[in-house]
Amino acid sequence: MTASTPFAKIEARAVKRKGGPKALANLLPAPPTNAALAKLKDDRVLAEMTKRIFSAGFVWSVVEKKWPYFERAFLKFDPKRLVHQPDEFWDALTTNKGIVRHPAKIMSVRTNADFVLRVAKEHGTFGKFLAACPTTDQTGLLDYLAKNGTRLGGMSGQYFLRFVGRDSYVLTHDVVACLRDAGLDIAENPTSKNDLKKIEAQFNAWATETGMPLTTLSRICALSTGENHDAETLISRGMGK
């Protein structure tokens, strides 16, 4: 069951909070396209998986600052090269001061390189696989990532889809607050399959109602509630165009 609140009401609140339609529009990302997603190279897919995994529970800015070292250490995230590296290669990474030395996360790159290659073998590339998945079944796609990849469950999987260019919603604290305020009966920390299905149905209903991409709907939800940062702060945090 979906909430009765029309999305126009949520959008109007975001417009008011951000200082008008133009100001809000400047804080919205460009709509993602399946054409761009399908062209994505497998090394960039693995790189984004890795960045989201290492950023989980860590300061994102530190990972960003170190990222050029990650690219070199992980052979530019070429999955075909990485799956053939010996144990000594991976052991050495745990002492590499240029990257975040988290053994379990380092080893996730090895496992996910194999995951990317297996999907690419079946679909041409991992990007083509993502582009072919229906946007109406985000919970199914996230479940697939969690079960077949490594450390791609929860928010890591959601952020991976967002940053890789997949049309998607991200269940940040503010987005969940917006959904609950709209009348959706979900927990403050919605992780159950029942709650996730309710959320998916709600976003799909709003997408049908407005014609907006899920990414846009999710961002407007986030901007409609919570702490009302100014546009300059939001843009500095990567939330602008």
C-alpha atoms as a PDB file:
ATOM      1  CA  MET A   1       0.000   0.000   0.000  1.00  0.00           C
ATOM      2  CA  THR A   2       1.341   3.436  -0.950  1.00  0.00           C
ATOM      3  CA  ALA A   3       0.989   6.784   0.814  1.00  0.00           C
ATOM      4  CA  SER A   4      -1.790   9.180  -0.133  1.00  0.00           C
ATOM      5  CA  THR A   5       0.450  12.272  -0.279  1.00  0.00           C
ATOM      6  CA  PRO A   6       0.890  13.445  -3.892  1.00  0.00           C
ATOM      7  CA  PHE A   7       4.484  14.117  -4.880  1.00  0.00           C
ATOM      8  CA  ALA A   8       3.580  17.651  -5.920  1.00  0.00           C
ATOM      9  CA  LYS A   9       3.218  18.517  -2.230  1.00  0.00           C
ATOM     10  CA  ILE A  10       6.696  17.190  -1.450  1.00  0.00           C
ATOM     11  CA  GLU A  11       8.186  19.024  -4.416  1.00  0.00           C
ATOM     12  CA  ALA A  12       6.485  22.265  -3.354  1.00  0.00           C
ATOM     13  CA  ARG A  13       8.052  21.961   0.099  1.00  0.00           C
ATOM     14  CA  ALA A  14      11.498  21.417  -1.436  1.00  0.00           C
ATOM     15  CA  VAL A  15      11.000  24.435  -3.714  1.00  0.00           C
ATOM     16  CA  LYS A  16      10.108  26.624  -0.739  1.00  0.00           C
ATOM     17  CA  ARG A  17      13.033  25.378   1.365  1.00  0.00           C
ATOM     18  CA  LYS A  18      15.585  25.920  -1.401  1.00  0.00           C
ATOM     19  CA  GLY A  19      14.395  29.332  -2.555  1.00  0.00           C
ATOM     20  CA  GLY A  20      12.380  28.657  -5.672  1.00  0.00           C
ATOM     21  CA  PRO A  21      12.094  26.299  -8.653  1.00  0.00           C
ATOM     22  CA  LYS A  22      15.375  27.420 -10.261  1.00  0.00           C
ATOM     23  CA  ALA A  23      17.339  27.000  -7.031  1.00  0.00           C
ATOM     24  CA  LEU A  24      15.921  23.500  -6.575  1.00  0.00           C
ATOM     25  CA  ALA A  25      16.629  22.577 -10.199  1.00  0.00           C
ATOM     26  CA  ASN A  26      20.286  23.549  -9.707  1.00  0.00           C
ATOM     27  CA  LEU A  27      20.533  20.964  -6.926  1.00  0.00           C
ATOM     28  CA  LEU A  28      19.155  18.107  -9.012  1.00  0.00           C
ATOM     29  CA  PRO A  29      21.410  15.726 -10.953  1.00  0.00           C
ATOM     30  CA  ALA A  30      21.113  15.245 -14.685  1.00  0.00           C
ATOM     31  CA  PRO A  31      18.685  12.402 -15.410  1.00  0.00           C
ATOM     32  CA  PRO A  32      20.615   9.122 -15.822  1.00  0.00           C
ATOM     33  CA  THR A  33      20.314   7.254 -19.095  1.00  0.00           C
ATOM     34  CA  ASN A  34      20.505   3.561 -19.918  1.00  0.00           C
ATOM     35  CA  ALA A  35      22.499   4.433 -23.036  1.00  0.00           C
ATOM     36  CA  ALA A  36      25.319   5.867 -20.929  1.00  0.00           C
ATOM     37  CA  LEU A  37      25.082   2.999 -18.453  1.00  0.00           C
ATOM     38  CA  ALA A  38      25.364   0.407 -21.215  1.00  0.00           C
ATOM     39  CA  LYS A  39      28.596   2.030 -22.438  1.00  0.00           C
ATOM     40  CA  LEU A  40      30.248   1.840 -19.025  1.00  0.00           C
ATOM     41  CA  LYS A  41      33.464  -0.179 -19.017  1.00  0.00           C
ATOM     42  CA  ASP A  42      33.833  -3.059 -16.579  1.00  0.00           C
ATOM     43  CA  ASP A  43      36.891  -1.494 -14.941  1.00  0.00           C
ATOM     44  CA  ARG A  44      34.811   1.595 -14.025  1.00  0.00           C
ATOM     45  CA  VAL A  45      32.090  -0.628 -12.604  1.00  0.00           C
ATOM     46  CA  LEU A  46      34.594  -2.416 -10.382  1.00  0.00           C
ATOM     47  CA  ALA A  47      36.188   0.898  -9.415  1.00  0.00           C
ATOM     48  CA  GLU A  48      32.838   2.300  -8.277  1.00  0.00           C
ATOM     49  CA  MET A  49      31.999  -0.871  -6.367  1.00  0.00           C
ATOM     50  CA  THR A  50      35.320  -0.558  -4.587  1.00  0.00           C
ATOM     51  CA  LYS A  51      34.926   3.140  -3.811  1.00  0.00           C
ATOM     52  CA  ARG A  52      31.496   2.577  -2.250  1.00  0.00           C
ATOM     53  CA  ILE A  53      32.753  -0.399  -0.215  1.00  0.00           C
ATOM     54  CA  PHE A  54      35.750   1.488   1.153  1.00  0.00           C
ATOM     55  CA  SER A  55      33.622   4.583   1.844  1.00  0.00           C
ATOM     56  CA  ALA A  56      31.126   2.603   3.937  1.00  0.00           C
ATOM     57  CA  GLY A  57      31.577   3.514   7.595  1.00  0.00           C
ATOM     58  CA  PHE A  58      34.534   5.714   6.703  1.00  0.00           C
ATOM     59  CA  VAL A  59      35.181   9.378   5.861  1.00  0.00           C
ATOM     60  CA  TRP A  60      34.385   9.720   2.157  1.00  0.00           C
ATOM     61  CA  SER A  61      36.792  12.615   1.668  1.00  0.00           C
ATOM     62  CA  VAL A  62      39.721  10.451   2.811  1.00  0.00           C
ATOM     63  CA  VAL A  63      38.881   7.784   0.230  1.00  0.00           C
ATOM     64  CA  GLU A  64      38.514  10.451  -2.483  1.00  0.00           C
ATOM     65  CA  LYS A  65      41.892  11.971  -1.594  1.00  0.00           C
ATOM     66  CA  LYS A  66      43.568   8.571  -1.751  1.00  0.00           C
ATOM     67  CA  TRP A  67      41.760   7.440  -4.890  1.00  0.00           C
ATOM     68  CA  PRO A  68      44.649   7.974  -7.367  1.00  0.00           C
ATOM     69  CA  TYR A  69      46.668   5.578  -5.181  1.00  0.00           C
ATOM     70  CA  PHE A  70      43.796   3.078  -5.242  1.00  0.00           C
ATOM     71  CA  GLU A  71      43.776   3.208  -9.053  1.00  0.00           C
ATOM     72  CA  ARG A  72      47.476   2.377  -9.204  1.00  0.00           C
ATOM     73  CA  ALA A  73      47.410  -0.228  -6.443  1.00  0.00           C
ATOM     74  CA  PHE A  74      44.478  -2.104  -7.988  1.00  0.00           C
ATOM     75  CA  LEU A  75      45.837  -2.050 -11.566  1.00  0.00           C
ATOM     76  CA  LYS A  76      43.258   0.532 -12.700  1.00  0.00           C
ATOM     77  CA  PHE A  77      40.585  -1.969 -11.641  1.00  0.00           C
ATOM     78  CA  ASP A  78      40.999  -4.134 -14.717  1.00  0.00           C
ATOM     79  CA  PRO A  79      39.044  -7.233 -13.604  1.00  0.00           C
ATOM     80  CA  LYS A  80      40.789  -9.520 -16.089  1.00  0.00           C
ATOM     81  CA  ARG A  81      44.184  -8.651 -14.617  1.00  0.00           C
ATOM     82  CA  LEU A  82      43.068  -8.691 -11.005  1.00  0.00           C
ATOM     83  CA  VAL A  83      41.557 -12.180 -11.022  1.00  0.00           C
ATOM     84  CA  HIS A  84      44.926 -13.620 -12.080  1.00  0.00           C
ATOM     85  CA  GLN A  85      46.991 -11.906  -9.386  1.00  0.00           C
ATOM     86  CA  PRO A  86      48.589 -14.283  -6.854  1.00  0.00           C
ATOM     87  CA  ASP A  87      47.977 -14.244  -3.127  1.00  0.00           C
ATOM     88  CA  GLU A  88      51.206 -12.286  -2.642  1.00  0.00           C
ATOM     89  CA  PHE A  89      49.764  -9.353  -4.605  1.00  0.00           C
ATOM     90  CA  TRP A  90      46.765  -9.094  -2.284  1.00  0.00           C
ATOM     91  CA  ASP A  91      48.839  -9.592   0.851  1.00  0.00           C
ATOM     92  CA  ALA A  92      51.085  -6.713  -0.201  1.00  0.00           C
ATOM     93  CA  LEU A  93      48.086  -4.393  -0.511  1.00  0.00           C
ATOM     94  CA  THR A  94      47.344  -4.770   3.197  1.00  0.00           C
ATOM     95  CA  THR A  95      50.589  -2.889   3.921  1.00  0.00           C
ATOM     96  CA  ASN A  96      50.232  -0.283   1.151  1.00  0.00           C
ATOM     97  CA  LYS A  97      50.095   3.098   2.925  1.00  0.00           C
ATOM     98  CA  GLY A  98      48.651   4.800  -0.145  1.00  0.00           C
ATOM     99  CA  ILE A  99      45.269   3.113   0.287  1.00  0.00           C
ATOM    100  CA  VAL A 100      42.967   2.332   3.193  1.00  0.00           C
ATOM    101  CA  ARG A 101      44.470  -0.841   4.668  1.00  0.00           C
ATOM    102  CA  HIS A 102      41.350  -2.834   5.453  1.00  0.00           C
ATOM    103  CA  PRO A 103      42.084  -6.517   4.655  1.00  0.00           C
ATOM    104  CA  ALA A 104      38.468  -7.644   4.222  1.00  0.00           C
ATOM    105  CA  LYS A 105      37.635  -4.728   1.933  1.00  0.00           C
ATOM    106  CA  ILE A 106      40.836  -5.262  -0.052  1.00  0.00           C
ATOM    107  CA  MET A 107      39.896  -8.898  -0.618  1.00  0.00           C
ATOM    108  CA  SER A 108      36.408  -7.860  -1.706  1.00  0.00           C
ATOM    109  CA  VAL A 109      38.000  -6.358  -4.828  1.00  0.00           C
ATOM    110  CA  ARG A 110      39.359  -9.769  -5.783  1.00  0.00           C
ATOM    111  CA  THR A 111      35.948 -11.408  -5.341  1.00  0.00           C
ATOM    112  CA  ASN A 112      34.045  -8.618  -7.056  1.00  0.00           C
ATOM    113  CA  ALA A 113      36.429  -8.663 -10.024  1.00  0.00           C
ATOM    114  CA  ASP A 114      35.327 -12.255 -10.616  1.00  0.00           C
ATOM    115  CA  PHE A 115      31.679 -11.218 -10.115  1.00  0.00           C
ATOM    116  CA  VAL A 116      31.987  -8.453 -12.726  1.00  0.00           C
ATOM    117  CA  LEU A 117      33.575 -10.832 -15.221  1.00  0.00           C
ATOM    118  CA  ARG A 118      30.902 -13.487 -14.725  1.00  0.00           C
ATOM    119  CA  VAL A 119      28.123 -10.990 -15.352  1.00  0.00           C
ATOM    120  CA  ALA A 120      29.964  -9.466 -18.307  1.00  0.00           C
ATOM    121  CA  LYS A 121      30.439 -12.900 -19.870  1.00  0.00           C
ATOM    122  CA  GLU A 122      26.677 -13.425 -19.846  1.00  0.00           C
ATOM    123  CA  HIS A 123      25.528  -9.912 -20.778  1.00  0.00           C
ATOM    124  CA  GLY A 124      28.421  -8.391 -22.735  1.00  0.00           C
ATOM    125  CA  THR A 125      29.388  -5.951 -19.986  1.00  0.00           C
ATOM    126  CA  PHE A 126      28.229  -5.294 -16.445  1.00  0.00           C
ATOM    127  CA  GLY A 127      26.896  -1.932 -17.602  1.00  0.00           C
ATOM    128  CA  LYS A 128      24.674  -3.611 -20.187  1.00  0.00           C
ATOM    129  CA  PHE A 129      23.353  -5.898 -17.474  1.00  0.00           C
ATOM    130  CA  LEU A 130      22.441  -2.914 -15.283  1.00  0.00           C
ATOM    131  CA  ALA A 131      20.865  -1.069 -18.214  1.00  0.00           C
ATOM    132  CA  ALA A 132      18.661  -4.076 -19.004  1.00  0.00           C
ATOM    133  CA  CYS A 133      17.327  -4.445 -15.450  1.00  0.00           C
ATOM    134  CA  PRO A 134      13.890  -2.808 -15.004  1.00  0.00           C
ATOM    135  CA  THR A 135      13.970   0.318 -12.819  1.00  0.00           C
ATOM    136  CA  THR A 136      10.712  -0.843 -11.216  1.00  0.00           C
ATOM    137  CA  ASP A 137      12.550  -3.694  -9.458  1.00  0.00           C
ATOM    138  CA  GLN A 138      15.338  -1.989  -7.517  1.00  0.00           C
ATOM    139  CA  THR A 139      14.904  -4.323  -4.548  1.00  0.00           C
ATOM    140  CA  GLY A 140      15.469  -7.315  -6.812  1.00  0.00           C
ATOM    141  CA  LEU A 141      18.626  -5.800  -8.285  1.00  0.00           C
ATOM    142  CA  LEU A 142      20.003  -4.886  -4.857  1.00  0.00           C
ATOM    143  CA  ASP A 143      19.282  -8.393  -3.622  1.00  0.00           C
ATOM    144  CA  TYR A 144      21.168  -9.796  -6.616  1.00  0.00           C
ATOM    145  CA  LEU A 145      24.184  -7.582  -5.908  1.00  0.00           C
ATOM    146  CA  ALA A 146      24.195  -8.549  -2.246  1.00  0.00           C
ATOM    147  CA  LYS A 147      23.964 -12.274  -2.938  1.00  0.00           C
ATOM    148  CA  ASN A 148      26.384 -12.488  -5.857  1.00  0.00           C
ATOM    149  CA  GLY A 149      28.901  -9.769  -5.055  1.00  0.00           C
ATOM    150  CA  THR A 150      30.802  -9.081  -1.848  1.00  0.00           C
ATOM    151  CA  ARG A 151      29.995  -6.274   0.625  1.00  0.00           C
ATOM    152  CA  LEU A 152      27.427  -4.833  -1.793  1.00  0.00           C
ATOM    153  CA  GLY A 153      24.420  -5.060   0.509  1.00  0.00           C
ATOM    154  CA  GLY A 154      22.643  -2.209   2.263  1.00  0.00           C
ATOM    155  CA  MET A 155      23.689   1.364   1.538  1.00  0.00           C
ATOM    156  CA  SER A 156      26.844   0.305  -0.331  1.00  0.00           C
ATOM    157  CA  GLY A 157      24.711  -1.304  -3.032  1.00  0.00           C
ATOM    158  CA  GLN A 158      22.392   1.703  -3.199  1.00  0.00           C
ATOM    159  CA  TYR A 159      25.248   4.185  -3.502  1.00  0.00           C
ATOM    160  CA  PHE A 160      26.932   1.981  -6.085  1.00  0.00           C
ATOM    161  CA  LEU A 161      23.850   2.129  -8.299  1.00  0.00           C
ATOM    162  CA  ARG A 162      23.556   5.898  -7.827  1.00  0.00           C
ATOM    163  CA  PHE A 163      27.196   6.725  -8.556  1.00  0.00           C
ATOM    164  CA  VAL A 164      27.523   4.299 -11.431  1.00  0.00           C
ATOM    165  CA  GLY A 165      24.691   6.137 -13.203  1.00  0.00           C
ATOM    166  CA  ARG A 166      21.781   3.782 -12.638  1.00  0.00           C
ATOM    167  CA  ASP A 167      18.383   5.447 -12.150  1.00  0.00           C
ATOM    168  CA  SER A 168      17.720   4.698  -8.496  1.00  0.00           C
ATOM    169  CA  TYR A 169      16.714   5.970  -5.075  1.00  0.00           C
ATOM    170  CA  VAL A 170      18.952   6.030  -2.000  1.00  0.00           C
ATOM    171  CA  LEU A 171      17.435   5.534   1.433  1.00  0.00           C
ATOM    172  CA  THR A 172      19.276   8.222   3.335  1.00  0.00           C
ATOM    173  CA  HIS A 173      17.907   9.405   6.678  1.00  0.00           C
ATOM    174  CA  ASP A 174      16.196  12.369   5.005  1.00  0.00           C
ATOM    175  CA  VAL A 175      14.621  10.267   2.245  1.00  0.00           C
ATOM    176  CA  VAL A 176      13.207   7.835   4.794  1.00  0.00           C
ATOM    177  CA  ALA A 177      11.908  10.770   6.850  1.00  0.00           C
ATOM    178  CA  CYS A 178      10.182  12.131   3.744  1.00  0.00           C
ATOM    179  CA  LEU A 179       8.546   8.767   3.035  1.00  0.00           C
ATOM    180  CA  ARG A 180       7.326   8.439   6.614  1.00  0.00           C
ATOM    181  CA  ASP A 181       6.034  12.009   6.609  1.00  0.00           C
ATOM    182  CA  ALA A 182       4.138  11.231   3.402  1.00  0.00           C
ATOM    183  CA  GLY A 183       2.291   8.519   5.320  1.00  0.00           C
ATOM    184  CA  LEU A 184       4.204   5.387   4.317  1.00  0.00           C
ATOM    185  CA  ASP A 185       4.115   2.858   7.147  1.00  0.00           C
ATOM    186  CA  ILE A 186       7.786   1.886   7.405  1.00  0.00           C
ATOM    187  CA  ALA A 187      10.386   1.726  10.172  1.00  0.00           C
ATOM    188  CA  GLU A 188      12.832   4.566  10.846  1.00  0.00           C
ATOM    189  CA  ASN A 189      15.527   2.200   9.651  1.00  0.00           C
ATOM    190  CA  PRO A 190      13.719   0.215   6.951  1.00  0.00           C
ATOM    191  CA  THR A 191      15.652  -2.964   6.239  1.00  0.00           C
ATOM    192  CA  SER A 192      12.926  -5.635   6.205  1.00  0.00           C
ATOM    193  CA  LYS A 193      11.798  -7.045   2.874  1.00  0.00           C
ATOM    194  CA  ASN A 194       8.273  -5.822   3.604  1.00  0.00           C
ATOM    195  CA  ASP A 195       9.412  -2.224   4.166  1.00  0.00           C
ATOM    196  CA  LEU A 196      11.699  -2.257   1.139  1.00  0.00           C
ATOM    197  CA  LYS A 197       8.864  -3.449  -1.067  1.00  0.00           C
ATOM    198  CA  LYS A 198       6.624  -0.681   0.274  1.00  0.00           C
ATOM    199  CA  ILE A 199       9.301   1.883  -0.533  1.00  0.00           C
ATOM    200  CA  GLU A 200       9.787   0.484  -4.025  1.00  0.00           C
ATOM    201  CA  ALA A 201       6.045   0.604  -4.673  1.00  0.00           C
ATOM    202  CA  GLN A 202       5.926   4.205  -3.421  1.00  0.00           C
ATOM    203  CA  PHE A 203       8.723   5.420  -5.663  1.00  0.00           C
ATOM    204  CA  ASN A 204       7.252   3.556  -8.633  1.00  0.00           C
ATOM    205  CA  ALA A 205       3.877   5.201  -7.950  1.00  0.00           C
ATOM    206  CA  TRP A 206       5.471   8.651  -7.769  1.00  0.00           C
ATOM    207  CA  ALA A 207       7.412   7.950 -10.978  1.00  0.00           C
ATOM    208  CA  THR A 208       4.141   7.102 -12.737  1.00  0.00           C
ATOM    209  CA  GLU A 209       2.453  10.167 -11.228  1.00  0.00           C
ATOM    210  CA  THR A 210       5.184  12.659 -12.186  1.00  0.00           C
ATOM    211  CA  GLY A 211       7.146  11.126 -15.044  1.00  0.00           C
ATOM    212  CA  MET A 212      10.321  11.882 -13.078  1.00  0.00           C
ATOM    213  CA  PRO A 213      13.287   9.492 -12.814  1.00  0.00           C
ATOM    214  CA  LEU A 214      13.781   7.720  -9.492  1.00  0.00           C
ATOM    215  CA  THR A 215      17.032   9.611  -8.965  1.00  0.00           C
ATOM    216  CA  THR A 216      15.226  12.950  -9.209  1.00  0.00           C
ATOM    217  CA  LEU A 217      12.400  11.818  -6.943  1.00  0.00           C
ATOM    218  CA  SER A 218      14.885  10.589  -4.349  1.00  0.00           C
ATOM    219  CA  ARG A 219      16.869  13.828  -4.385  1.00  0.00           C
ATOM    220  CA  ILE A 220      13.764  16.010  -4.081  1.00  0.00           C
ATOM    221  CA  CYS A 221      12.621  13.886  -1.146  1.00  0.00           C
ATOM    222  CA  ALA A 222      15.958  14.462   0.565  1.00  0.00           C
ATOM    223  CA  LEU A 223      15.823  18.213  -0.067  1.00  0.00           C
ATOM    224  CA  SER A 224      12.267  18.494   1.233  1.00  0.00           C
ATOM    225  CA  THR A 225      13.101  17.626   4.825  1.00  0.00           C
ATOM    226  CA  GLY A 226      15.873  17.479   7.414  1.00  0.00           C
ATOM    227  CA  GLU A 227      18.509  20.152   8.022  1.00  0.00           C
ATOM    228  CA  ASN A 228      18.100  22.868   5.406  1.00  0.00           C
ATOM    229  CA  HIS A 229      21.642  23.470   4.166  1.00  0.00           C
ATOM    230  CA  ASP A 230      22.220  26.345   1.742  1.00  0.00           C
ATOM    231  CA  ALA A 231      22.873  25.637  -1.935  1.00  0.00           C
ATOM    232  CA  GLU A 232      26.617  26.333  -1.675  1.00  0.00           C
ATOM    233  CA  THR A 233      27.041  23.733   1.063  1.00  0.00           C
ATOM    234  CA  LEU A 234      25.020  21.130  -0.829  1.00  0.00           C
ATOM    235  CA  ILE A 235      26.945  21.703  -4.052  1.00  0.00           C
ATOM    236  CA  SER A 236      30.242  21.393  -2.155  1.00  0.00           C
ATOM    237  CA  ARG A 237      29.028  17.986  -0.996  1.00  0.00           C
ATOM    238  CA  GLY A 238      28.339  16.834  -4.529  1.00  0.00           C
ATOM    239  CA  MET A 239      24.584  17.383  -4.436  1.00  0.00           C
ATOM    240  CA  GLY A 240      24.426  19.947  -7.237  1.00  0.00           C
ATOM    241  CA  LYS A 241      24.731  19.637 -10.976  1.00  0.00           C
END
